[in-house]
Protein backbone atom coordinates (compact mmCIF):
# COMPACT_ATOMS: atom_id res chain seq x y z
CA MET A 1 28.75 -30.19 -6.58
CA THR A 2 29.14 -33.53 -4.88
CA ALA A 3 26.34 -35.18 -2.94
CA VAL A 4 28.40 -34.81 0.24
CA ALA A 5 28.89 -31.07 -0.31
CA LYS A 6 25.18 -30.61 -1.01
CA ALA A 7 24.27 -32.56 2.15
CA ARG A 8 26.63 -30.35 4.19
CA ARG A 9 25.05 -27.21 2.79
CA ILE A 10 21.56 -28.49 3.56
CA GLN A 11 22.64 -29.22 7.14
CA ALA A 12 24.21 -25.74 7.40
CA VAL A 13 20.94 -24.13 6.30
CA LYS A 14 18.95 -26.20 8.80
CA LEU A 15 21.35 -25.24 11.59
CA ALA A 16 21.22 -21.55 10.70
CA ASP A 17 17.41 -21.63 10.63
CA ALA A 18 17.32 -23.43 13.99
CA LEU A 19 19.70 -20.93 15.60
CA ASN A 20 17.61 -18.03 14.31
CA ALA A 21 14.46 -19.67 15.67
CA ILE A 22 16.08 -20.17 19.09
CA GLU A 23 17.07 -16.50 19.15
CA GLY A 24 13.61 -15.43 17.99
CA VAL A 25 14.92 -13.95 14.76
CA PRO A 26 12.45 -14.36 11.90
CA VAL A 27 13.85 -15.56 8.56
CA SER A 28 12.08 -14.13 5.55
CA ASP A 29 10.75 -16.35 2.78
CA TYR A 30 13.19 -14.61 0.45
CA ALA A 31 16.16 -15.49 2.69
CA LYS A 32 14.93 -19.08 2.91
CA SER A 33 14.68 -19.25 -0.86
CA LEU A 34 18.22 -17.87 -1.25
CA SER A 35 19.50 -20.40 1.27
CA GLN A 36 17.84 -23.21 -0.66
CA CYS A 37 19.43 -22.00 -3.90
CA TRP A 38 22.82 -21.91 -2.18
CA ALA A 39 22.33 -25.40 -0.74
CA ASN A 40 21.50 -26.68 -4.24
CA GLY A 41 24.62 -25.06 -5.69
CA GLU A 42 22.63 -22.56 -7.76
CA LEU A 43 24.22 -19.54 -6.01
CA THR A 44 27.59 -18.91 -4.46
CA GLY A 45 27.77 -17.67 -0.89
CA GLU A 46 28.82 -14.26 -2.21
CA GLN A 47 25.83 -14.08 -4.57
CA MET A 48 23.48 -15.06 -1.77
CA LYS A 49 24.93 -12.43 0.55
CA ASN A 50 24.77 -9.71 -2.12
CA ALA A 51 21.14 -10.55 -2.98
CA LEU A 52 20.12 -10.45 0.67
CA LEU A 53 21.96 -7.18 1.31
CA ALA A 54 20.35 -5.60 -1.76
CA SER A 55 16.93 -6.70 -0.52
CA HIS A 56 17.53 -5.26 2.95
CA ARG A 57 18.84 -2.00 1.50
CA GLY A 58 15.70 -1.74 -0.63
CA MET A 59 13.47 -2.32 2.39
CA ALA A 60 15.39 0.28 4.42
CA ALA A 61 15.11 2.81 1.59
CA ALA A 62 11.37 2.21 1.30
CA ILE A 63 10.92 2.81 5.00
CA ARG A 64 13.10 5.91 4.95
CA PHE A 65 11.17 7.46 2.06
CA SER A 66 7.75 6.60 3.44
CA GLN A 67 8.30 8.37 6.75
CA PRO A 68 7.26 12.04 7.02
């Protein structure tokens, strides 16, 4: 990955985090870590999305099974 591409990704992550903050949407530490990995070129966008979706599905399943 070029330095320019990495800088663009870092800016994209900062913008996404700022927009979420403006809207009052909390960003989990896990999502932040995935975003950082993507910005560094360690994950593709598809891998990041799949990891985040799997995490959210796991949380939803845990909630569903813990309710009476």
